[in-house]
Full PDB file with SEQRES, HELIX, SHEET, SSBOND, CRYST1, ORIGX, SCALE, CONECT and MASTER records, all heavy atoms in Angstrom:
SEQRES   1 A   33  ALA LEU ALA LEU TYR PRO HIS MET ASP VAL ALA THR ASN          
SEQRES   2 A   33  ILE GLY TYR PRO LEU LYS VAL ALA GLY VAL GLY LYS ALA          
SEQRES   3 A   33  GLU ARG ARG GLU ARG ALA GLU                                  
HELIX    1 AA1 VAL A   10  VAL A   20  1                                  11    
HELIX    2 AA2 LYS A   25  ALA A   32  1                                   8    
CRYST1    1.000    1.000    1.000  90.00  90.00  90.00 P 1           1          
ORIGX1      1.000000  0.000000  0.000000        0.00000                         
ORIGX2      0.000000  1.000000  0.000000        0.00000                         
ORIGX3      0.000000  0.000000  1.000000        0.00000                         
SCALE1      1.000000  0.000000  0.000000        0.00000                         
SCALE2      0.000000  1.000000  0.000000        0.00000                         
SCALE3      0.000000  0.000000  1.000000        0.00000                         
ATOM      1  N   ALA A   1      -7.208 -17.186  -0.326  1.00  0.00           N  
ATOM      2  CA  ALA A   1      -6.564 -16.708  -1.547  1.00  0.00           C  
ATOM      3  C   ALA A   1      -6.100 -15.289  -1.252  1.00  0.00           C  
ATOM      4  O   ALA A   1      -6.916 -14.369  -1.081  1.00  0.00           O  
ATOM      5  CB  ALA A   1      -7.556 -16.724  -2.708  1.00  0.00           C  
ATOM      6  N   LEU A   2      -4.805 -15.074  -1.158  1.00  0.00           N  
ATOM      7  CA  LEU A   2      -4.265 -13.838  -0.602  1.00  0.00           C  
ATOM      8  C   LEU A   2      -4.598 -12.607  -1.437  1.00  0.00           C  
ATOM      9  O   LEU A   2      -4.647 -11.496  -0.925  1.00  0.00           O  
ATOM     10  CB  LEU A   2      -2.750 -13.970  -0.445  1.00  0.00           C  
ATOM     11  CG  LEU A   2      -2.297 -15.148   0.430  1.00  0.00           C  
ATOM     12  CD1 LEU A   2      -0.786 -15.189   0.509  1.00  0.00           C  
ATOM     13  CD2 LEU A   2      -2.903 -15.060   1.814  1.00  0.00           C  
ATOM     14  N   ALA A   3      -4.818 -12.799  -2.753  1.00  0.00           N  
ATOM     15  CA  ALA A   3      -5.252 -11.710  -3.635  1.00  0.00           C  
ATOM     16  C   ALA A   3      -4.329 -10.500  -3.563  1.00  0.00           C  
ATOM     17  O   ALA A   3      -4.789  -9.358  -3.475  1.00  0.00           O  
ATOM     18  CB  ALA A   3      -6.695 -11.307  -3.300  1.00  0.00           C  
ATOM     19  N   LEU A   4      -3.019 -10.742  -3.614  1.00  0.00           N  
ATOM     20  CA  LEU A   4      -2.074  -9.636  -3.706  1.00  0.00           C  
ATOM     21  C   LEU A   4      -2.100  -9.063  -5.117  1.00  0.00           C  
ATOM     22  O   LEU A   4      -2.413  -9.761  -6.083  1.00  0.00           O  
ATOM     23  CB  LEU A   4      -0.670 -10.104  -3.356  1.00  0.00           C  
ATOM     24  CG  LEU A   4      -0.483 -10.704  -1.963  1.00  0.00           C  
ATOM     25  CD1 LEU A   4       0.960 -11.144  -1.758  1.00  0.00           C  
ATOM     26  CD2 LEU A   4      -0.902  -9.729  -0.885  1.00  0.00           C  
ATOM     27  N   TYR A   5      -1.750  -7.787  -5.241  1.00  0.00           N  
ATOM     28  CA  TYR A   5      -1.734  -7.145  -6.548  1.00  0.00           C  
ATOM     29  C   TYR A   5      -0.396  -7.423  -7.225  1.00  0.00           C  
ATOM     30  O   TYR A   5       0.654  -6.929  -6.782  1.00  0.00           O  
ATOM     31  CB  TYR A   5      -1.954  -5.646  -6.398  1.00  0.00           C  
ATOM     32  CG  TYR A   5      -3.242  -5.312  -5.672  1.00  0.00           C  
ATOM     33  CD1 TYR A   5      -3.229  -4.682  -4.433  1.00  0.00           C  
ATOM     34  CD2 TYR A   5      -4.476  -5.632  -6.235  1.00  0.00           C  
ATOM     35  CE1 TYR A   5      -4.412  -4.381  -3.771  1.00  0.00           C  
ATOM     36  CE2 TYR A   5      -5.666  -5.337  -5.568  1.00  0.00           C  
ATOM     37  CZ  TYR A   5      -5.621  -4.713  -4.344  1.00  0.00           C  
ATOM     38  OH  TYR A   5      -6.784  -4.426  -3.683  1.00  0.00           O  
ATOM     39  N   PRO A   6      -0.375  -8.225  -8.293  1.00  0.00           N  
ATOM     40  CA  PRO A   6       0.901  -8.650  -8.878  1.00  0.00           C  
ATOM     41  C   PRO A   6       1.683  -7.523  -9.551  1.00  0.00           C  
ATOM     42  O   PRO A   6       2.896  -7.634  -9.732  1.00  0.00           O  
ATOM     43  CB  PRO A   6       0.475  -9.710  -9.910  1.00  0.00           C  
ATOM     44  CG  PRO A   6      -0.946  -9.378 -10.245  1.00  0.00           C  
ATOM     45  CD  PRO A   6      -1.535  -8.814  -8.994  1.00  0.00           C  
ATOM     46  N   HIS A   7       0.997  -6.434  -9.923  1.00  0.00           N  
ATOM     47  CA  HIS A   7       1.682  -5.331 -10.613  1.00  0.00           C  
ATOM     48  C   HIS A   7       2.251  -4.311  -9.628  1.00  0.00           C  
ATOM     49  O   HIS A   7       2.818  -3.299 -10.038  1.00  0.00           O  
ATOM     50  CB  HIS A   7       0.717  -4.630 -11.573  1.00  0.00           C  
ATOM     51  CG  HIS A   7      -0.474  -4.020 -10.894  1.00  0.00           C  
ATOM     52  ND1 HIS A   7      -1.483  -4.778 -10.346  1.00  0.00           N  
ATOM     53  CD2 HIS A   7      -0.807  -2.712 -10.661  1.00  0.00           C  
ATOM     54  CE1 HIS A   7      -2.406  -3.977  -9.824  1.00  0.00           C  
ATOM     55  NE2 HIS A   7      -2.013  -2.721  -9.996  1.00  0.00           N  
ATOM     56  N   MET A   8       2.109  -4.585  -8.318  1.00  0.00           N  
ATOM     57  CA  MET A   8       2.610  -3.677  -7.287  1.00  0.00           C  
ATOM     58  C   MET A   8       3.696  -4.363  -6.475  1.00  0.00           C  
ATOM     59  O   MET A   8       3.651  -5.581  -6.271  1.00  0.00           O  
ATOM     60  CB  MET A   8       1.485  -3.267  -6.323  1.00  0.00           C  
ATOM     61  CG  MET A   8       0.329  -2.532  -6.953  1.00  0.00           C  
ATOM     62  SD  MET A   8      -0.917  -2.147  -5.670  1.00  0.00           S  
ATOM     63  CE  MET A   8      -2.208  -1.408  -6.673  1.00  0.00           C  
ATOM     64  N   ASP A   9       4.656  -3.572  -5.998  1.00  0.00           N  
ATOM     65  CA  ASP A   9       5.670  -4.145  -5.113  1.00  0.00           C  
ATOM     66  C   ASP A   9       5.081  -4.318  -3.706  1.00  0.00           C  
ATOM     67  O   ASP A   9       3.917  -3.984  -3.447  1.00  0.00           O  
ATOM     68  CB  ASP A   9       6.945  -3.293  -5.096  1.00  0.00           C  
ATOM     69  CG  ASP A   9       6.719  -1.868  -4.600  1.00  0.00           C  
ATOM     70  OD1 ASP A   9       5.700  -1.617  -3.904  1.00  0.00           O  
ATOM     71  OD2 ASP A   9       7.549  -0.993  -4.907  1.00  0.00           O  
ATOM     72  N   VAL A  10       5.900  -4.851  -2.807  1.00  0.00           N  
ATOM     73  CA  VAL A  10       5.419  -5.166  -1.463  1.00  0.00           C  
ATOM     74  C   VAL A  10       4.939  -3.914  -0.731  1.00  0.00           C  
ATOM     75  O   VAL A  10       3.859  -3.905  -0.121  1.00  0.00           O  
ATOM     76  CB  VAL A  10       6.529  -5.872  -0.660  1.00  0.00           C  
ATOM     77  CG1 VAL A  10       6.153  -5.956   0.829  1.00  0.00           C  
ATOM     78  CG2 VAL A  10       6.785  -7.270  -1.208  1.00  0.00           C  
ATOM     79  N   ALA A  11       5.714  -2.832  -0.796  1.00  0.00           N  
ATOM     80  CA  ALA A  11       5.343  -1.607  -0.092  1.00  0.00           C  
ATOM     81  C   ALA A  11       4.007  -1.070  -0.586  1.00  0.00           C  
ATOM     82  O   ALA A  11       3.152  -0.635   0.205  1.00  0.00           O  
ATOM     83  CB  ALA A  11       6.435  -0.554  -0.269  1.00  0.00           C  
ATOM     84  N   THR A  12       3.795  -1.119  -1.893  1.00  0.00           N  
ATOM     85  CA  THR A  12       2.547  -0.596  -2.454  1.00  0.00           C  
ATOM     86  C   THR A  12       1.369  -1.493  -2.105  1.00  0.00           C  
ATOM     87  O   THR A  12       0.263  -1.004  -1.835  1.00  0.00           O  
ATOM     88  CB  THR A  12       2.668  -0.456  -3.983  1.00  0.00           C  
ATOM     89  OG1 THR A  12       3.881   0.225  -4.305  1.00  0.00           O  
ATOM     90  CG2 THR A  12       1.489   0.318  -4.544  1.00  0.00           C  
ATOM     91  N   ASN A  13       1.588  -2.803  -2.093  1.00  0.00           N  
ATOM     92  CA  ASN A  13       0.538  -3.724  -1.672  1.00  0.00           C  
ATOM     93  C   ASN A  13       0.114  -3.441  -0.239  1.00  0.00           C  
ATOM     94  O   ASN A  13      -1.075  -3.341   0.066  1.00  0.00           O  
ATOM     95  CB  ASN A  13       1.023  -5.174  -1.791  1.00  0.00           C  
ATOM     96  CG  ASN A  13       0.568  -5.861  -3.046  1.00  0.00           C  
ATOM     97  OD1 ASN A  13      -0.558  -6.309  -3.163  1.00  0.00           O  
ATOM     98  ND2 ASN A  13       1.478  -5.908  -4.029  1.00  0.00           N  
ATOM     99  N   ILE A  14       1.095  -3.319   0.653  1.00  0.00           N  
ATOM    100  CA  ILE A  14       0.776  -3.084   2.068  1.00  0.00           C  
ATOM    101  C   ILE A  14       0.076  -1.742   2.247  1.00  0.00           C  
ATOM    102  O   ILE A  14      -0.902  -1.623   3.003  1.00  0.00           O  
ATOM    103  CB  ILE A  14       2.053  -3.142   2.923  1.00  0.00           C  
ATOM    104  CG1 ILE A  14       2.611  -4.581   2.957  1.00  0.00           C  
ATOM    105  CG2 ILE A  14       1.776  -2.658   4.351  1.00  0.00           C  
ATOM    106  CD1 ILE A  14       3.928  -4.710   3.691  1.00  0.00           C  
ATOM    107  N   GLY A  15       0.532  -0.731   1.532  1.00  0.00           N  
ATOM    108  CA  GLY A  15      -0.016   0.610   1.717  1.00  0.00           C  
ATOM    109  C   GLY A  15      -1.277   0.905   0.943  1.00  0.00           C  
ATOM    110  O   GLY A  15      -1.879   1.978   1.120  1.00  0.00           O  
ATOM    111  N   TYR A  16      -1.750  -0.061   0.129  1.00  0.00           N  
ATOM    112  CA  TYR A  16      -2.892   0.233  -0.746  1.00  0.00           C  
ATOM    113  C   TYR A  16      -4.157   0.638   0.010  1.00  0.00           C  
ATOM    114  O   TYR A  16      -4.853   1.573  -0.403  1.00  0.00           O  
ATOM    115  CB  TYR A  16      -3.175  -0.960  -1.653  1.00  0.00           C  
ATOM    116  CG  TYR A  16      -4.200  -0.642  -2.713  1.00  0.00           C  
ATOM    117  CD1 TYR A  16      -3.858   0.124  -3.817  1.00  0.00           C  
ATOM    118  CD2 TYR A  16      -5.520  -1.082  -2.584  1.00  0.00           C  
ATOM    119  CE1 TYR A  16      -4.800   0.436  -4.787  1.00  0.00           C  
ATOM    120  CE2 TYR A  16      -6.471  -0.777  -3.538  1.00  0.00           C  
ATOM    121  CZ  TYR A  16      -6.110  -0.012  -4.643  1.00  0.00           C  
ATOM    122  OH  TYR A  16      -7.036   0.303  -5.593  1.00  0.00           O  
ATOM    123  N   PRO A  17      -4.515  -0.012   1.130  1.00  0.00           N  
ATOM    124  CA  PRO A  17      -5.719   0.433   1.855  1.00  0.00           C  
ATOM    125  C   PRO A  17      -5.620   1.884   2.321  1.00  0.00           C  
ATOM    126  O   PRO A  17      -6.636   2.582   2.414  1.00  0.00           O  
ATOM    127  CB  PRO A  17      -5.786  -0.526   3.050  1.00  0.00           C  
ATOM    128  CG  PRO A  17      -5.052  -1.741   2.591  1.00  0.00           C  
ATOM    129  CD  PRO A  17      -3.935  -1.227   1.739  1.00  0.00           C  
ATOM    130  N   LEU A  18      -4.413   2.351   2.603  1.00  0.00           N  
ATOM    131  CA  LEU A  18      -4.237   3.742   3.009  1.00  0.00           C  
ATOM    132  C   LEU A  18      -4.443   4.684   1.826  1.00  0.00           C  
ATOM    133  O   LEU A  18      -4.989   5.780   1.970  1.00  0.00           O  
ATOM    134  CB  LEU A  18      -2.837   3.942   3.605  1.00  0.00           C  
ATOM    135  CG  LEU A  18      -2.505   3.095   4.830  1.00  0.00           C  
ATOM    136  CD1 LEU A  18      -1.075   3.347   5.278  1.00  0.00           C  
ATOM    137  CD2 LEU A  18      -3.481   3.380   5.969  1.00  0.00           C  
ATOM    138  N   LYS A  19      -4.019   4.231   0.643  1.00  0.00           N  
ATOM    139  CA  LYS A  19      -4.237   5.038  -0.563  1.00  0.00           C  
ATOM    140  C   LYS A  19      -5.726   5.213  -0.815  1.00  0.00           C  
ATOM    141  O   LYS A  19      -6.195   6.314  -1.117  1.00  0.00           O  
ATOM    142  CB  LYS A  19      -3.568   4.361  -1.762  1.00  0.00           C  
ATOM    143  CG  LYS A  19      -3.721   5.143  -3.060  1.00  0.00           C  
ATOM    144  CD  LYS A  19      -2.995   4.445  -4.211  1.00  0.00           C  
ATOM    145  CE  LYS A  19      -3.145   5.264  -5.499  1.00  0.00           C  
ATOM    146  NZ  LYS A  19      -2.441   4.620  -6.654  1.00  0.00           N  
ATOM    147  N   VAL A  20      -6.478   4.106  -0.668  1.00  0.00           N  
ATOM    148  CA  VAL A  20      -7.932   4.174  -0.849  1.00  0.00           C  
ATOM    149  C   VAL A  20      -8.551   5.131   0.167  1.00  0.00           C  
ATOM    150  O   VAL A  20      -9.525   5.837  -0.133  1.00  0.00           O  
ATOM    151  CB  VAL A  20      -8.547   2.761  -0.711  1.00  0.00           C  
ATOM    152  CG1 VAL A  20     -10.067   2.836  -0.715  1.00  0.00           C  
ATOM    153  CG2 VAL A  20      -8.053   1.857  -1.825  1.00  0.00           C  
ATOM    154  N   ALA A  21      -7.958   5.166   1.378  1.00  0.00           N  
ATOM    155  CA  ALA A  21      -8.479   6.045   2.432  1.00  0.00           C  
ATOM    156  C   ALA A  21      -8.009   7.489   2.279  1.00  0.00           C  
ATOM    157  O   ALA A  21      -8.366   8.337   3.101  1.00  0.00           O  
ATOM    158  CB  ALA A  21      -8.065   5.511   3.796  1.00  0.00           C  
ATOM    159  N   GLY A  22      -7.190   7.777   1.247  1.00  0.00           N  
ATOM    160  CA  GLY A  22      -6.758   9.141   0.994  1.00  0.00           C  
ATOM    161  C   GLY A  22      -5.515   9.573   1.742  1.00  0.00           C  
ATOM    162  O   GLY A  22      -5.213  10.774   1.811  1.00  0.00           O  
ATOM    163  N   VAL A  23      -4.763   8.630   2.291  1.00  0.00           N  
ATOM    164  CA  VAL A  23      -3.529   8.962   3.016  1.00  0.00           C  
ATOM    165  C   VAL A  23      -2.438   9.293   2.002  1.00  0.00           C  
ATOM    166  O   VAL A  23      -2.304   8.626   0.959  1.00  0.00           O  
ATOM    167  CB  VAL A  23      -3.093   7.775   3.906  1.00  0.00           C  
ATOM    168  CG1 VAL A  23      -1.759   8.067   4.573  1.00  0.00           C  
ATOM    169  CG2 VAL A  23      -4.179   7.496   4.935  1.00  0.00           C  
ATOM    170  N   GLY A  24      -1.639  10.298   2.313  1.00  0.00           N  
ATOM    171  CA  GLY A  24      -0.588  10.745   1.406  1.00  0.00           C  
ATOM    172  C   GLY A  24       0.506   9.713   1.191  1.00  0.00           C  
ATOM    173  O   GLY A  24       0.710   8.814   2.004  1.00  0.00           O  
ATOM    174  N   LYS A  25       1.246   9.873   0.087  1.00  0.00           N  
ATOM    175  CA  LYS A  25       2.245   8.886  -0.329  1.00  0.00           C  
ATOM    176  C   LYS A  25       3.337   8.701   0.722  1.00  0.00           C  
ATOM    177  O   LYS A  25       3.739   7.566   1.022  1.00  0.00           O  
ATOM    178  CB  LYS A  25       2.862   9.307  -1.657  1.00  0.00           C  
ATOM    179  CG  LYS A  25       3.828   8.289  -2.236  1.00  0.00           C  
ATOM    180  CD  LYS A  25       4.295   8.707  -3.623  1.00  0.00           C  
ATOM    181  CE  LYS A  25       5.233   7.658  -4.219  1.00  0.00           C  
ATOM    182  NZ  LYS A  25       5.689   8.068  -5.588  1.00  0.00           N  
ATOM    183  N   ALA A  26       3.834   9.789   1.284  1.00  0.00           N  
ATOM    184  CA  ALA A  26       4.926   9.687   2.253  1.00  0.00           C  
ATOM    185  C   ALA A  26       4.487   8.937   3.507  1.00  0.00           C  
ATOM    186  O   ALA A  26       5.214   8.076   4.022  1.00  0.00           O  
ATOM    187  CB  ALA A  26       5.427  11.086   2.624  1.00  0.00           C  
ATOM    188  N   GLU A  27       3.281   9.252   4.000  1.00  0.00           N  
ATOM    189  CA  GLU A  27       2.791   8.557   5.191  1.00  0.00           C  
ATOM    190  C   GLU A  27       2.507   7.091   4.888  1.00  0.00           C  
ATOM    191  O   GLU A  27       2.762   6.221   5.730  1.00  0.00           O  
ATOM    192  CB  GLU A  27       1.535   9.234   5.726  1.00  0.00           C  
ATOM    193  CG  GLU A  27       1.044   8.604   7.029  1.00  0.00           C  
ATOM    194  CD  GLU A  27      -0.175   9.297   7.612  1.00  0.00           C  
ATOM    195  OE1 GLU A  27      -0.525  10.398   7.119  1.00  0.00           O  
ATOM    196  OE2 GLU A  27      -0.783   8.726   8.547  1.00  0.00           O  
ATOM    197  N   ARG A  28       2.015   6.813   3.673  1.00  0.00           N  
ATOM    198  CA  ARG A  28       1.771   5.417   3.303  1.00  0.00           C  
ATOM    199  C   ARG A  28       3.059   4.613   3.351  1.00  0.00           C  
ATOM    200  O   ARG A  28       3.097   3.502   3.876  1.00  0.00           O  
ATOM    201  CB  ARG A  28       1.165   5.315   1.889  1.00  0.00           C  
ATOM    202  CG  ARG A  28      -0.215   5.894   1.754  1.00  0.00           C  
ATOM    203  CD  ARG A  28      -0.934   5.331   0.534  1.00  0.00           C  
ATOM    204  NE  ARG A  28      -0.206   5.465  -0.708  1.00  0.00           N  
ATOM    205  CZ  ARG A  28      -0.311   6.475  -1.563  1.00  0.00           C  
ATOM    206  NH1 ARG A  28      -1.103   7.504  -1.272  1.00  0.00           N  
ATOM    207  NH2 ARG A  28       0.355   6.484  -2.702  1.00  0.00           N  
ATOM    208  N   ARG A  29       4.126   5.197   2.807  1.00  0.00           N  
ATOM    209  CA  ARG A  29       5.421   4.497   2.803  1.00  0.00           C  
ATOM    210  C   ARG A  29       5.925   4.293   4.227  1.00  0.00           C  
ATOM    211  O   ARG A  29       6.418   3.203   4.574  1.00  0.00           O  
ATOM    212  CB  ARG A  29       6.443   5.297   1.999  1.00  0.00           C  
ATOM    213  CG  ARG A  29       7.840   4.693   1.956  1.00  0.00           C  
ATOM    214  CD  ARG A  29       7.886   3.455   1.100  1.00  0.00           C  
ATOM    215  NE  ARG A  29       9.188   2.775   1.203  1.00  0.00           N  
ATOM    216  CZ  ARG A  29       9.636   1.888   0.323  1.00  0.00           C  
ATOM    217  NH1 ARG A  29       8.901   1.560  -0.722  1.00  0.00           N  
ATOM    218  NH2 ARG A  29      10.810   1.310   0.485  1.00  0.00           N  
ATOM    219  N   GLU A  30       5.793   5.314   5.054  1.00  0.00           N  
ATOM    220  CA  GLU A  30       6.269   5.216   6.436  1.00  0.00           C  
ATOM    221  C   GLU A  30       5.529   4.121   7.196  1.00  0.00           C  
ATOM    222  O   GLU A  30       6.143   3.291   7.886  1.00  0.00           O  
ATOM    223  CB  GLU A  30       6.087   6.564   7.135  1.00  0.00           C  
ATOM    224  CG  GLU A  30       6.562   6.564   8.590  1.00  0.00           C  
ATOM    225  CD  GLU A  30       6.350   7.920   9.258  1.00  0.00           C  
ATOM    226  OE1 GLU A  30       6.015   8.899   8.567  1.00  0.00           O  
ATOM    227  OE2 GLU A  30       6.515   7.977  10.504  1.00  0.00           O  
ATOM    228  N   ARG A  31       4.206   4.079   7.052  1.00  0.00           N  
ATOM    229  CA  ARG A  31       3.431   3.077   7.783  1.00  0.00           C  
ATOM    230  C   ARG A  31       3.643   1.679   7.206  1.00  0.00           C  
ATOM    231  O   ARG A  31       3.654   0.685   7.941  1.00  0.00           O  
ATOM    232  CB  ARG A  31       1.958   3.471   7.795  1.00  0.00           C  
ATOM    233  CG  ARG A  31       1.720   4.630   8.759  1.00  0.00           C  
ATOM    234  CD  ARG A  31       0.334   5.197   8.710  1.00  0.00           C  
ATOM    235  NE  ARG A  31      -0.713   4.239   9.043  1.00  0.00           N  
ATOM    236  CZ  ARG A  31      -1.997   4.573   9.137  1.00  0.00           C  
ATOM    237  NH1 ARG A  31      -2.371   5.840   8.930  1.00  0.00           N  
ATOM    238  NH2 ARG A  31      -2.912   3.667   9.434  1.00  0.00           N  
ATOM    239  N   ALA A  32       3.854   1.582   5.905  1.00  0.00           N  
ATOM    240  CA  ALA A  32       4.168   0.288   5.295  1.00  0.00           C  
ATOM    241  C   ALA A  32       5.500  -0.229   5.823  1.00  0.00           C  
ATOM    242  O   ALA A  32       5.658  -1.436   6.096  1.00  0.00           O  
ATOM    243  CB  ALA A  32       4.206   0.404   3.782  1.00  0.00           C  
ATOM    244  N   GLU A  33       6.462   0.668   5.994  1.00  0.00           N  
ATOM    245  CA  GLU A  33       7.764   0.268   6.532  1.00  0.00           C  
ATOM    246  C   GLU A  33       7.624  -0.207   7.979  1.00  0.00           C  
ATOM    247  O   GLU A  33       8.249  -1.196   8.379  1.00  0.00           O  
ATOM    248  CB  GLU A  33       8.746   1.443   6.451  1.00  0.00           C  
ATOM    249  CG  GLU A  33       9.187   1.760   5.022  1.00  0.00           C  
ATOM    250  CD  GLU A  33      10.074   2.988   4.953  1.00  0.00           C  
ATOM    251  OE1 GLU A  33      10.216   3.686   6.002  1.00  0.00           O  
ATOM    252  OE2 GLU A  33      10.624   3.271   3.876  1.00  0.00           O  
TER     253      GLU A  33                                                      
MASTER        0    0    0    2    0    0    0    6  252    1    0    3          
END                                                                             
């Protein structure tokens, strides 16, 4: 069960573990890309 977050777009879903780890927004977007 993939358990994606339905209220988030693809980039935010991919970058969410980095957000939990305290990584900044710009770096999260770059690594998600």
